[in-house]
Amino acid sequence: MKLCNFASFDPSHVKRNVSGLAHAGRGDRQIWDEFNATIGSCSIESQKALARNRWNKNQLIAQVEEPELPQGPTESLRMLELD
């Protein structure tokens, strides 16, 4: 939904009469304006973050433990009296 808020600020969408969501806020506008003002550095930073994520993915997977399965019954029968 957040990305649909940004559509309301995108000139290419506005030109096509695509309005985005109706309740985009000041925070959405600030993010949009900052992104457009620094689009070159944003793309570089996103590539760096992607590279870090790929490098760390194997470490993250190794740290994930198997979930503990529940012991005993997991369901119960209940009777409700309706008025």
Protein backbone atom coordinates (compact mmCIF):
# COMPACT_ATOMS: atom_id res chain seq x y z
CA MET A 1 0.00 0.00 0.00
CA LYS A 2 2.89 2.35 0.75
CA LEU A 3 4.06 2.12 -2.86
CA CYS A 4 0.57 3.05 -4.03
CA ASN A 5 0.86 6.21 -1.93
CA PHE A 6 4.00 7.13 -3.87
CA ALA A 7 2.12 6.75 -7.15
CA SER A 8 0.17 9.89 -6.29
CA PHE A 9 3.44 11.90 -6.46
CA ASP A 10 4.91 10.27 -9.58
CA PRO A 11 4.57 12.63 -12.56
CA SER A 12 4.45 9.72 -15.03
CA HIS A 13 1.43 8.28 -13.23
CA VAL A 14 -0.24 11.66 -12.78
CA LYS A 15 0.17 12.24 -16.53
CA ARG A 16 -1.71 8.96 -17.17
CA ASN A 17 -4.45 9.95 -14.65
CA VAL A 18 -3.34 7.26 -12.18
CA SER A 19 -3.95 8.82 -8.79
CA GLY A 20 -2.50 6.31 -6.32
CA LEU A 21 -4.12 5.97 -2.92
CA ALA A 22 -6.11 8.89 -1.58
CA HIS A 23 -4.48 9.18 1.84
CA ALA A 24 -0.80 9.76 1.07
CA GLY A 25 0.66 11.82 3.88
CA ARG A 26 3.39 14.39 4.45
CA GLY A 27 5.82 11.61 5.37
CA ASP A 28 5.20 9.93 2.03
CA ARG A 29 5.82 13.24 0.26
CA GLN A 30 9.08 13.76 2.19
CA ILE A 31 10.33 10.28 1.27
CA TRP A 32 9.38 10.83 -2.37
CA ASP A 33 11.13 14.22 -2.50
CA GLU A 34 14.28 12.92 -0.80
CA PHE A 35 14.44 9.93 -3.13
CA ASN A 36 14.10 12.12 -6.21
CA ALA A 37 16.70 14.59 -4.93
CA THR A 38 19.23 11.81 -4.26
CA ILE A 39 18.26 9.18 -6.81
CA GLY A 40 21.86 8.54 -7.87
CA SER A 41 23.14 7.87 -4.37
CA CYS A 42 19.97 5.92 -3.48
CA SER A 43 20.60 3.45 -6.28
CA ILE A 44 24.21 3.00 -5.19
CA GLU A 45 23.17 2.49 -1.56
CA SER A 46 20.49 -0.02 -2.58
CA GLN A 47 23.06 -2.02 -4.55
CA LYS A 48 25.41 -2.02 -1.55
CA ALA A 49 22.58 -3.18 0.74
CA LEU A 50 21.67 -5.94 -1.72
CA ALA A 51 25.29 -7.11 -1.85
CA ARG A 52 25.49 -7.14 1.97
CA ASN A 53 22.24 -9.08 2.16
CA ARG A 54 23.44 -11.69 -0.30
CA TRP A 55 26.72 -12.07 1.57
CA ASN A 56 24.98 -12.39 4.93
CA LYS A 57 22.19 -14.68 3.75
CA ASN A 58 24.21 -17.88 4.41
CA GLN A 59 25.13 -16.66 7.87
CA LEU A 60 21.52 -15.80 8.65
CA ILE A 61 20.29 -19.20 7.49
CA ALA A 62 22.89 -20.91 9.70
CA GLN A 63 21.62 -18.96 12.73
CA VAL A 64 17.98 -19.98 12.29
CA GLU A 65 17.00 -22.81 14.57
CA GLU A 66 14.28 -25.35 13.98
CA PRO A 67 11.06 -24.29 15.67
CA GLU A 68 10.05 -26.27 18.72
CA LEU A 69 6.98 -28.36 17.99
CA PRO A 70 4.10 -28.19 20.48
CA GLN A 71 3.80 -30.99 23.00
CA GLY A 72 0.43 -32.46 23.90
CA PRO A 73 -2.95 -31.66 22.37
CA THR A 74 -3.17 -28.66 20.08
CA GLU A 75 -6.97 -28.57 19.76
CA SER A 76 -9.83 -28.76 22.21
CA LEU A 77 -13.60 -29.02 21.95
CA ARG A 78 -15.61 -26.15 23.46
CA MET A 79 -19.35 -25.84 23.83
CA LEU A 80 -20.89 -22.37 23.96
CA GLU A 81 -24.37 -21.58 25.10
CA LEU A 82 -25.98 -18.87 22.99
CA ASP A 83 -28.62 -16.61 24.46
